[in-house]
Full PDB file with SEQRES, HELIX, SHEET, SSBOND, CRYST1, ORIGX, SCALE, CONECT and MASTER records, all heavy atoms in Angstrom:
SEQRES   1 A   35  ARG ALA PRO HIS ARG VAL HIS GLU TRP SER ALA ALA THR          
SEQRES   2 A   35  THR ASN PRO TYR ALA THR TYR LEU ALA VAL ALA ASP THR          
SEQRES   3 A   35  VAL ILE VAL THR GLY ASP SER ILE SER                          
HELIX    1 AA1 TYR A   17  VAL A   23  1                                   7    
CRYST1    1.000    1.000    1.000  90.00  90.00  90.00 P 1           1          
ORIGX1      1.000000  0.000000  0.000000        0.00000                         
ORIGX2      0.000000  1.000000  0.000000        0.00000                         
ORIGX3      0.000000  0.000000  1.000000        0.00000                         
SCALE1      1.000000  0.000000  0.000000        0.00000                         
SCALE2      0.000000  1.000000  0.000000        0.00000                         
SCALE3      0.000000  0.000000  1.000000        0.00000                         
ATOM      1  N   ARG A   1     -86.919  62.090-125.973  1.00  0.00           N  
ATOM      2  CA  ARG A   1     -87.309  63.468-125.693  1.00  0.00           C  
ATOM      3  C   ARG A   1     -87.105  63.871-124.236  1.00  0.00           C  
ATOM      4  O   ARG A   1     -86.938  65.047-123.930  1.00  0.00           O  
ATOM      5  CB  ARG A   1     -88.791  63.663-126.069  1.00  0.00           C  
ATOM      6  CG  ARG A   1     -89.064  63.482-127.556  1.00  0.00           C  
ATOM      7  CD  ARG A   1     -88.534  64.655-128.354  1.00  0.00           C  
ATOM      8  NE  ARG A   1     -88.748  64.459-129.797  1.00  0.00           N  
ATOM      9  CZ  ARG A   1     -87.805  64.068-130.639  1.00  0.00           C  
ATOM     10  NH1 ARG A   1     -86.577  63.822-130.175  1.00  0.00           N  
ATOM     11  NH2 ARG A   1     -88.050  63.926-131.925  1.00  0.00           N  
ATOM     12  N   ALA A   2     -87.138  62.939-123.332  1.00  0.00           N  
ATOM     13  CA  ALA A   2     -86.919  63.264-121.921  1.00  0.00           C  
ATOM     14  C   ALA A   2     -85.499  63.824-121.749  1.00  0.00           C  
ATOM     15  O   ALA A   2     -84.623  63.564-122.581  1.00  0.00           O  
ATOM     16  CB  ALA A   2     -87.096  62.011-121.075  1.00  0.00           C  
ATOM     17  N   PRO A   3     -85.260  64.606-120.704  1.00  0.00           N  
ATOM     18  CA  PRO A   3     -83.897  65.111-120.475  1.00  0.00           C  
ATOM     19  C   PRO A   3     -82.890  63.962-120.481  1.00  0.00           C  
ATOM     20  O   PRO A   3     -83.107  62.945-119.835  1.00  0.00           O  
ATOM     21  CB  PRO A   3     -84.000  65.771-119.092  1.00  0.00           C  
ATOM     22  CG  PRO A   3     -85.441  66.156-118.964  1.00  0.00           C  
ATOM     23  CD  PRO A   3     -86.206  65.070-119.669  1.00  0.00           C  
ATOM     24  N   HIS A   4     -81.800  64.132-121.222  1.00  0.00           N  
ATOM     25  CA  HIS A   4     -80.881  63.013-121.367  1.00  0.00           C  
ATOM     26  C   HIS A   4     -79.498  63.473-121.805  1.00  0.00           C  
ATOM     27  O   HIS A   4     -79.325  64.585-122.310  1.00  0.00           O  
ATOM     28  CB  HIS A   4     -81.413  62.007-122.402  1.00  0.00           C  
ATOM     29  CG  HIS A   4     -81.471  62.567-123.800  1.00  0.00           C  
ATOM     30  ND1 HIS A   4     -82.558  63.280-124.252  1.00  0.00           N  
ATOM     31  CD2 HIS A   4     -80.581  62.530-124.830  1.00  0.00           C  
ATOM     32  CE1 HIS A   4     -82.348  63.650-125.500  1.00  0.00           C  
ATOM     33  NE2 HIS A   4     -81.142  63.214-125.888  1.00  0.00           N  
ATOM     34  N   ARG A   5     -78.551  62.578-121.614  1.00  0.00           N  
ATOM     35  CA  ARG A   5     -77.220  62.673-122.225  1.00  0.00           C  
ATOM     36  C   ARG A   5     -76.967  61.314-122.870  1.00  0.00           C  
ATOM     37  O   ARG A   5     -77.120  60.291-122.212  1.00  0.00           O  
ATOM     38  CB  ARG A   5     -76.139  62.963-121.178  1.00  0.00           C  
ATOM     39  CG  ARG A   5     -76.307  64.271-120.457  1.00  0.00           C  
ATOM     40  CD  ARG A   5     -75.229  64.465-119.397  1.00  0.00           C  
ATOM     41  NE  ARG A   5     -73.910  64.582-120.000  1.00  0.00           N  
ATOM     42  CZ  ARG A   5     -72.979  65.474-119.600  1.00  0.00           C  
ATOM     43  NH1 ARG A   5     -73.267  66.323-118.633  1.00  0.00           N  
ATOM     44  NH2 ARG A   5     -71.813  65.514-120.174  1.00  0.00           N  
ATOM     45  N   VAL A   6     -76.610  61.300-124.134  1.00  0.00           N  
ATOM     46  CA  VAL A   6     -76.327  60.048-124.843  1.00  0.00           C  
ATOM     47  C   VAL A   6     -74.863  60.031-125.252  1.00  0.00           C  
ATOM     48  O   VAL A   6     -74.402  60.931-125.969  1.00  0.00           O  
ATOM     49  CB  VAL A   6     -77.224  59.878-126.085  1.00  0.00           C  
ATOM     50  CG1 VAL A   6     -76.826  58.611-126.850  1.00  0.00           C  
ATOM     51  CG2 VAL A   6     -78.694  59.799-125.686  1.00  0.00           C  
ATOM     52  N   HIS A   7     -74.154  59.020-124.775  1.00  0.00           N  
ATOM     53  CA  HIS A   7     -72.762  58.823-125.194  1.00  0.00           C  
ATOM     54  C   HIS A   7     -72.692  57.619-126.122  1.00  0.00           C  
ATOM     55  O   HIS A   7     -73.107  56.520-125.754  1.00  0.00           O  
ATOM     56  CB  HIS A   7     -71.862  58.570-123.978  1.00  0.00           C  
ATOM     57  CG  HIS A   7     -70.471  58.140-124.360  1.00  0.00           C  
ATOM     58  ND1 HIS A   7     -69.498  59.036-124.719  1.00  0.00           N  
ATOM     59  CD2 HIS A   7     -69.906  56.906-124.462  1.00  0.00           C  
ATOM     60  CE1 HIS A   7     -68.385  58.386-125.017  1.00  0.00           C  
ATOM     61  NE2 HIS A   7     -68.606  57.091-124.878  1.00  0.00           N  
ATOM     62  N   GLU A   8     -72.192  57.835-127.332  1.00  0.00           N  
ATOM     63  CA  GLU A   8     -71.993  56.742-128.267  1.00  0.00           C  
ATOM     64  C   GLU A   8     -70.575  56.209-128.107  1.00  0.00           C  
ATOM     65  O   GLU A   8     -69.605  56.961-128.234  1.00  0.00           O  
ATOM     66  CB  GLU A   8     -72.235  57.207-129.699  1.00  0.00           C  
ATOM     67  CG  GLU A   8     -73.681  57.567-129.980  1.00  0.00           C  
ATOM     68  CD  GLU A   8     -73.908  57.868-131.446  1.00  0.00           C  
ATOM     69  OE1 GLU A   8     -73.387  57.119-132.288  1.00  0.00           O  
ATOM     70  OE2 GLU A   8     -74.609  58.858-131.732  1.00  0.00           O  
ATOM     71  N   TRP A   9     -70.492  54.896-127.824  1.00  0.00           N  
ATOM     72  CA  TRP A   9     -69.182  54.293-127.567  1.00  0.00           C  
ATOM     73  C   TRP A   9     -68.236  54.484-128.744  1.00  0.00           C  
ATOM     74  O   TRP A   9     -68.609  54.336-129.904  1.00  0.00           O  
ATOM     75  CB  TRP A   9     -69.338  52.803-127.283  1.00  0.00           C  
ATOM     76  CG  TRP A   9     -68.039  52.171-126.862  1.00  0.00           C  
ATOM     77  CD1 TRP A   9     -67.590  52.006-125.583  1.00  0.00           C  
ATOM     78  CD2 TRP A   9     -67.024  51.626-127.717  1.00  0.00           C  
ATOM     79  NE1 TRP A   9     -66.348  51.403-125.595  1.00  0.00           N  
ATOM     80  CE2 TRP A   9     -65.974  51.161-126.889  1.00  0.00           C  
ATOM     81  CE3 TRP A   9     -66.906  51.507-129.104  1.00  0.00           C  
ATOM     82  CZ2 TRP A   9     -64.815  50.573-127.398  1.00  0.00           C  
ATOM     83  CZ3 TRP A   9     -65.749  50.928-129.617  1.00  0.00           C  
ATOM     84  CH2 TRP A   9     -64.721  50.462-128.765  1.00  0.00           C  
ATOM     85  N   SER A  10     -66.992  54.811-128.416  1.00  0.00           N  
ATOM     86  CA  SER A  10     -65.931  54.907-129.415  1.00  0.00           C  
ATOM     87  C   SER A  10     -64.615  54.651-128.715  1.00  0.00           C  
ATOM     88  O   SER A  10     -64.393  55.120-127.581  1.00  0.00           O  
ATOM     89  CB  SER A  10     -65.919  56.296-130.071  1.00  0.00           C  
ATOM     90  OG  SER A  10     -64.717  56.479-130.811  1.00  0.00           O  
ATOM     91  N   ALA A  11     -63.741  53.901-129.387  1.00  0.00           N  
ATOM     92  CA  ALA A  11     -62.428  53.630-128.803  1.00  0.00           C  
ATOM     93  C   ALA A  11     -61.623  54.910-128.646  1.00  0.00           C  
ATOM     94  O   ALA A  11     -60.665  54.953-127.863  1.00  0.00           O  
ATOM     95  CB  ALA A  11     -61.667  52.632-129.670  1.00  0.00           C  
ATOM     96  N   ALA A  12     -62.000  55.950-129.368  1.00  0.00           N  
ATOM     97  CA  ALA A  12     -61.225  57.191-129.355  1.00  0.00           C  
ATOM     98  C   ALA A  12     -61.707  58.185-128.307  1.00  0.00           C  
ATOM     99  O   ALA A  12     -61.103  59.241-128.139  1.00  0.00           O  
ATOM    100  CB  ALA A  12     -61.269  57.835-130.743  1.00  0.00           C  
ATOM    101  N   THR A  13     -62.790  57.883-127.607  1.00  0.00           N  
ATOM    102  CA  THR A  13     -63.328  58.820-126.628  1.00  0.00           C  
ATOM    103  C   THR A  13     -63.373  58.184-125.237  1.00  0.00           C  
ATOM    104  O   THR A  13     -63.395  56.970-125.096  1.00  0.00           O  
ATOM    105  CB  THR A  13     -64.746  59.269-127.014  1.00  0.00           C  
ATOM    106  OG1 THR A  13     -65.595  58.110-127.087  1.00  0.00           O  
ATOM    107  CG2 THR A  13     -64.741  59.967-128.368  1.00  0.00           C  
ATOM    108  N   THR A  14     -63.387  59.026-124.235  1.00  0.00           N  
ATOM    109  CA  THR A  14     -63.478  58.561-122.851  1.00  0.00           C  
ATOM    110  C   THR A  14     -64.890  58.049-122.577  1.00  0.00           C  
ATOM    111  O   THR A  14     -65.873  58.738-122.866  1.00  0.00           O  
ATOM    112  CB  THR A  14     -63.134  59.699-121.879  1.00  0.00           C  
ATOM    113  OG1 THR A  14     -61.823  60.174-122.153  1.00  0.00           O  
ATOM    114  CG2 THR A  14     -63.202  59.200-120.437  1.00  0.00           C  
ATOM    115  N   ASN A  15     -64.968  56.873-122.010  1.00  0.00           N  
ATOM    116  CA  ASN A  15     -66.267  56.251-121.748  1.00  0.00           C  
ATOM    117  C   ASN A  15     -66.772  56.698-120.374  1.00  0.00           C  
ATOM    118  O   ASN A  15     -66.075  56.513-119.367  1.00  0.00           O  
ATOM    119  CB  ASN A  15     -66.116  54.724-121.789  1.00  0.00           C  
ATOM    120  CG  ASN A  15     -67.453  54.016-121.849  1.00  0.00           C  
ATOM    121  OD1 ASN A  15     -68.470  54.566-121.455  1.00  0.00           O  
ATOM    122  ND2 ASN A  15     -67.452  52.798-122.335  1.00  0.00           N  
ATOM    123  N   PRO A  16     -67.991  57.249-120.292  1.00  0.00           N  
ATOM    124  CA  PRO A  16     -68.519  57.689-118.997  1.00  0.00           C  
ATOM    125  C   PRO A  16     -69.170  56.561-118.197  1.00  0.00           C  
ATOM    126  O   PRO A  16     -69.816  56.816-117.181  1.00  0.00           O  
ATOM    127  CB  PRO A  16     -69.562  58.724-119.403  1.00  0.00           C  
ATOM    128  CG  PRO A  16     -70.090  58.196-120.707  1.00  0.00           C  
ATOM    129  CD  PRO A  16     -68.904  57.582-121.407  1.00  0.00           C  
ATOM    130  N   TYR A  17     -69.019  55.315-118.646  1.00  0.00           N  
ATOM    131  CA  TYR A  17     -69.690  54.159-118.048  1.00  0.00           C  
ATOM    132  C   TYR A  17     -69.520  54.133-116.528  1.00  0.00           C  
ATOM    133  O   TYR A  17     -70.498  54.012-115.778  1.00  0.00           O  
ATOM    134  CB  TYR A  17     -69.103  52.889-118.683  1.00  0.00           C  
ATOM    135  CG  TYR A  17     -69.731  51.573-118.298  1.00  0.00           C  
ATOM    136  CD1 TYR A  17     -70.836  51.071-118.991  1.00  0.00           C  
ATOM    137  CD2 TYR A  17     -69.204  50.792-117.270  1.00  0.00           C  
ATOM    138  CE1 TYR A  17     -71.391  49.840-118.665  1.00  0.00           C  
ATOM    139  CE2 TYR A  17     -69.755  49.554-116.941  1.00  0.00           C  
ATOM    140  CZ  TYR A  17     -70.843  49.090-117.646  1.00  0.00           C  
ATOM    141  OH  TYR A  17     -71.391  47.874-117.312  1.00  0.00           O  
ATOM    142  N   ALA A  18     -68.277  54.219-116.049  1.00  0.00           N  
ATOM    143  CA  ALA A  18     -68.024  54.137-114.605  1.00  0.00           C  
ATOM    144  C   ALA A  18     -68.665  55.297-113.856  1.00  0.00           C  
ATOM    145  O   ALA A  18     -69.222  55.124-112.762  1.00  0.00           O  
ATOM    146  CB  ALA A  18     -66.519  54.104-114.339  1.00  0.00           C  
ATOM    147  N   THR A  19     -68.612  56.480-114.439  1.00  0.00           N  
ATOM    148  CA  THR A  19     -69.204  57.650-113.790  1.00  0.00           C  
ATOM    149  C   THR A  19     -70.718  57.532-113.727  1.00  0.00           C  
ATOM    150  O   THR A  19     -71.349  57.821-112.698  1.00  0.00           O  
ATOM    151  CB  THR A  19     -68.806  58.935-114.546  1.00  0.00           C  
ATOM    152  OG1 THR A  19     -67.381  59.013-114.622  1.00  0.00           O  
ATOM    153  CG2 THR A  19     -69.342  60.170-113.825  1.00  0.00           C  
ATOM    154  N   TYR A  20     -71.338  57.108-114.820  1.00  0.00           N  
ATOM    155  CA  TYR A  20     -72.788  56.938-114.828  1.00  0.00           C  
ATOM    156  C   TYR A  20     -73.226  55.935-113.757  1.00  0.00           C  
ATOM    157  O   TYR A  20     -74.215  56.158-113.047  1.00  0.00           O  
ATOM    158  CB  TYR A  20     -73.255  56.461-116.199  1.00  0.00           C  
ATOM    159  CG  TYR A  20     -73.262  57.524-117.273  1.00  0.00           C  
ATOM    160  CD1 TYR A  20     -72.858  58.836-117.015  1.00  0.00           C  
ATOM    161  CD2 TYR A  20     -73.680  57.218-118.567  1.00  0.00           C  
ATOM    162  CE1 TYR A  20     -72.867  59.797-118.004  1.00  0.00           C  
ATOM    163  CE2 TYR A  20     -73.704  58.184-119.565  1.00  0.00           C  
ATOM    164  CZ  TYR A  20     -73.295  59.470-119.279  1.00  0.00           C  
ATOM    165  OH  TYR A  20     -73.317  60.418-120.269  1.00  0.00           O  
ATOM    166  N   LEU A  21     -72.498  54.818-113.636  1.00  0.00           N  
ATOM    167  CA  LEU A  21     -72.846  53.832-112.615  1.00  0.00           C  
ATOM    168  C   LEU A  21     -72.678  54.404-111.213  1.00  0.00           C  
ATOM    169  O   LEU A  21     -73.469  54.113-110.311  1.00  0.00           O  
ATOM    170  CB  LEU A  21     -71.981  52.582-112.784  1.00  0.00           C  
ATOM    171  CG  LEU A  21     -72.329  51.654-113.951  1.00  0.00           C  
ATOM    172  CD1 LEU A  21     -71.300  50.529-114.055  1.00  0.00           C  
ATOM    173  CD2 LEU A  21     -73.721  51.060-113.787  1.00  0.00           C  
ATOM    174  N   ALA A  22     -71.639  55.202-111.019  1.00  0.00           N  
ATOM    175  CA  ALA A  22     -71.342  55.722-109.680  1.00  0.00           C  
ATOM    176  C   ALA A  22     -72.374  56.723-109.191  1.00  0.00           C  
ATOM    177  O   ALA A  22     -72.659  56.809-107.988  1.00  0.00           O  
ATOM    178  CB  ALA A  22     -69.948  56.361-109.662  1.00  0.00           C  
ATOM    179  N   VAL A  23     -72.958  57.492-110.122  1.00  0.00           N  
ATOM    180  CA  VAL A  23     -73.865  58.573-109.694  1.00  0.00           C  
ATOM    181  C   VAL A  23     -75.331  58.225-109.888  1.00  0.00           C  
ATOM    182  O   VAL A  23     -76.207  58.990-109.464  1.00  0.00           O  
ATOM    183  CB  VAL A  23     -73.539  59.881-110.465  1.00  0.00           C  
ATOM    184  CG1 VAL A  23     -72.083  60.280-110.254  1.00  0.00           C  
ATOM    185  CG2 VAL A  23     -73.851  59.735-111.949  1.00  0.00           C  
ATOM    186  N   ALA A  24     -75.638  57.097-110.512  1.00  0.00           N  
ATOM    187  CA  ALA A  24     -77.024  56.785-110.874  1.00  0.00           C  
ATOM    188  C   ALA A  24     -77.881  56.501-109.643  1.00  0.00           C  
ATOM    189  O   ALA A  24     -77.461  55.811-108.715  1.00  0.00           O  
ATOM    190  CB  ALA A  24     -77.060  55.588-111.818  1.00  0.00           C  
ATOM    191  N   ASP A  25     -79.099  57.017-109.657  1.00  0.00           N  
ATOM    192  CA  ASP A  25     -80.095  56.668-108.647  1.00  0.00           C  
ATOM    193  C   ASP A  25     -80.792  55.358-109.008  1.00  0.00           C  
ATOM    194  O   ASP A  25     -81.267  54.630-108.138  1.00  0.00           O  
ATOM    195  CB  ASP A  25     -81.138  57.783-108.534  1.00  0.00           C  
ATOM    196  CG  ASP A  25     -80.505  59.113-108.152  1.00  0.00           C  
ATOM    197  OD1 ASP A  25     -79.861  59.165-107.089  1.00  0.00           O  
ATOM    198  OD2 ASP A  25     -80.642  60.076-108.924  1.00  0.00           O  
ATOM    199  N   THR A  26     -80.869  55.076-110.301  1.00  0.00           N  
ATOM    200  CA  THR A  26     -81.456  53.846-110.842  1.00  0.00           C  
ATOM    201  C   THR A  26     -80.640  53.465-112.068  1.00  0.00           C  
ATOM    202  O   THR A  26     -80.072  54.343-112.737  1.00  0.00           O  
ATOM    203  CB  THR A  26     -82.930  54.065-111.248  1.00  0.00           C  
ATOM    204  OG1 THR A  26     -83.673  54.492-110.105  1.00  0.00           O  
ATOM    205  CG2 THR A  26     -83.552  52.793-111.805  1.00  0.00           C  
ATOM    206  N   VAL A  27     -80.578  52.172-112.354  1.00  0.00           N  
ATOM    207  CA  VAL A  27     -79.868  51.700-113.549  1.00  0.00           C  
ATOM    208  C   VAL A  27     -80.825  50.841-114.366  1.00  0.00           C  
ATOM    209  O   VAL A  27     -81.484  49.947-113.833  1.00  0.00           O  
ATOM    210  CB  VAL A  27     -78.613  50.885-113.199  1.00  0.00           C  
ATOM    211  CG1 VAL A  27     -77.869  50.483-114.484  1.00  0.00           C  
ATOM    212  CG2 VAL A  27     -77.689  51.664-112.276  1.00  0.00           C  
ATOM    213  N   ILE A  28     -80.899  51.123-115.661  1.00  0.00           N  
ATOM    214  CA  ILE A  28     -81.633  50.284-116.619  1.00  0.00           C  
ATOM    215  C   ILE A  28     -80.611  49.714-117.594  1.00  0.00           C  
ATOM    216  O   ILE A  28     -79.776  50.446-118.134  1.00  0.00           O  
ATOM    217  CB  ILE A  28     -82.708  51.094-117.359  1.00  0.00           C  
ATOM    218  CG1 ILE A  28     -83.767  51.587-116.378  1.00  0.00           C  
ATOM    219  CG2 ILE A  28     -83.357  50.260-118.462  1.00  0.00           C  
ATOM    220  CD1 ILE A  28     -84.780  52.532-116.969  1.00  0.00           C  
ATOM    221  N   VAL A  29     -80.666  48.408-117.812  1.00  0.00           N  
ATOM    222  CA  VAL A  29     -79.671  47.749-118.648  1.00  0.00           C  
ATOM    223  C   VAL A  29     -80.372  46.807-119.615  1.00  0.00           C  
ATOM    224  O   VAL A  29     -81.349  46.142-119.252  1.00  0.00           O  
ATOM    225  CB  VAL A  29     -78.640  46.997-117.765  1.00  0.00           C  
ATOM    226  CG1 VAL A  29     -79.315  46.043-116.825  1.00  0.00           C  
ATOM    227  CG2 VAL A  29     -77.598  46.275-118.608  1.00  0.00           C  
ATOM    228  N   THR A  30     -79.913  46.773-120.859  1.00  0.00           N  
ATOM    229  CA  THR A  30     -80.473  45.814-121.811  1.00  0.00           C  
ATOM    230  C   THR A  30     -79.962  44.423-121.460  1.00  0.00           C  
ATOM    231  O   THR A  30     -78.819  44.249-121.036  1.00  0.00           O  
ATOM    232  CB  THR A  30     -80.107  46.187-123.253  1.00  0.00           C  
ATOM    233  OG1 THR A  30     -78.688  46.250-123.409  1.00  0.00           O  
ATOM    234  CG2 THR A  30     -80.708  47.538-123.619  1.00  0.00           C  
ATOM    235  N   GLY A  31     -80.819  43.416-121.671  1.00  0.00           N  
ATOM    236  CA  GLY A  31     -80.550  42.083-121.142  1.00  0.00           C  
ATOM    237  C   GLY A  31     -79.664  41.208-121.999  1.00  0.00           C  
ATOM    238  O   GLY A  31     -79.620  39.997-121.787  1.00  0.00           O  
ATOM    239  N   ASP A  32     -78.935  41.791-122.947  1.00  0.00           N  
ATOM    240  CA  ASP A  32     -78.066  40.988-123.802  1.00  0.00           C  
ATOM    241  C   ASP A  32     -76.730  40.682-123.166  1.00  0.00           C  
ATOM    242  O   ASP A  32     -76.008  39.792-123.610  1.00  0.00           O  
ATOM    243  CB  ASP A  32     -77.828  41.723-125.122  1.00  0.00           C  
ATOM    244  CG  ASP A  32     -77.299  43.135-124.883  1.00  0.00           C  
ATOM    245  OD1 ASP A  32     -78.107  44.010-124.520  1.00  0.00           O  
ATOM    246  OD2 ASP A  32     -76.098  43.374-125.028  1.00  0.00           O  
ATOM    247  N   SER A  33     -76.349  41.424-122.119  1.00  0.00           N  
ATOM    248  CA  SER A  33     -75.035  41.254-121.505  1.00  0.00           C  
ATOM    249  C   SER A  33     -75.181  41.020-120.019  1.00  0.00           C  
ATOM    250  O   SER A  33     -75.552  41.929-119.264  1.00  0.00           O  
ATOM    251  CB  SER A  33     -74.168  42.494-121.749  1.00  0.00           C  
ATOM    252  OG  SER A  33     -72.997  42.447-120.943  1.00  0.00           O  
ATOM    253  N   ILE A  34     -74.867  39.801-119.579  1.00  0.00           N  
ATOM    254  CA  ILE A  34     -74.945  39.529-118.145  1.00  0.00           C  
ATOM    255  C   ILE A  34     -73.857  40.275-117.388  1.00  0.00           C  
ATOM    256  O   ILE A  34     -74.000  40.592-116.204  1.00  0.00           O  
ATOM    257  CB  ILE A  34     -74.881  38.013-117.870  1.00  0.00           C  
ATOM    258  CG1 ILE A  34     -75.289  37.724-116.422  1.00  0.00           C  
ATOM    259  CG2 ILE A  34     -73.509  37.462-118.184  1.00  0.00           C  
ATOM    260  CD1 ILE A  34     -75.457  36.247-116.129  1.00  0.00           C  
ATOM    261  N   SER A  35     -72.757  40.619-118.070  1.00  0.00           N  
ATOM    262  CA  SER A  35     -71.711  41.400-117.415  1.00  0.00           C  
ATOM    263  C   SER A  35     -72.208  42.800-117.083  1.00  0.00           C  
ATOM    264  O   SER A  35     -71.948  43.330-115.990  1.00  0.00           O  
ATOM    265  CB  SER A  35     -70.468  41.482-118.309  1.00  0.00           C  
ATOM    266  OG  SER A  35     -69.887  40.214-118.483  1.00  0.00           O  
TER     267      SER A  35                                                      
MASTER        0    0    0    1    0    0    0    6  266    1    0    3          
END                                                                             
């Protein structure tokens, strides 16, 4: 419910991953991927 943008990964769409990392003030990551 909080203000948000949700991108669902798809091989057919541009991934905003790099942009989100570049502009984020804080990052929260699930602990399943050390990468």
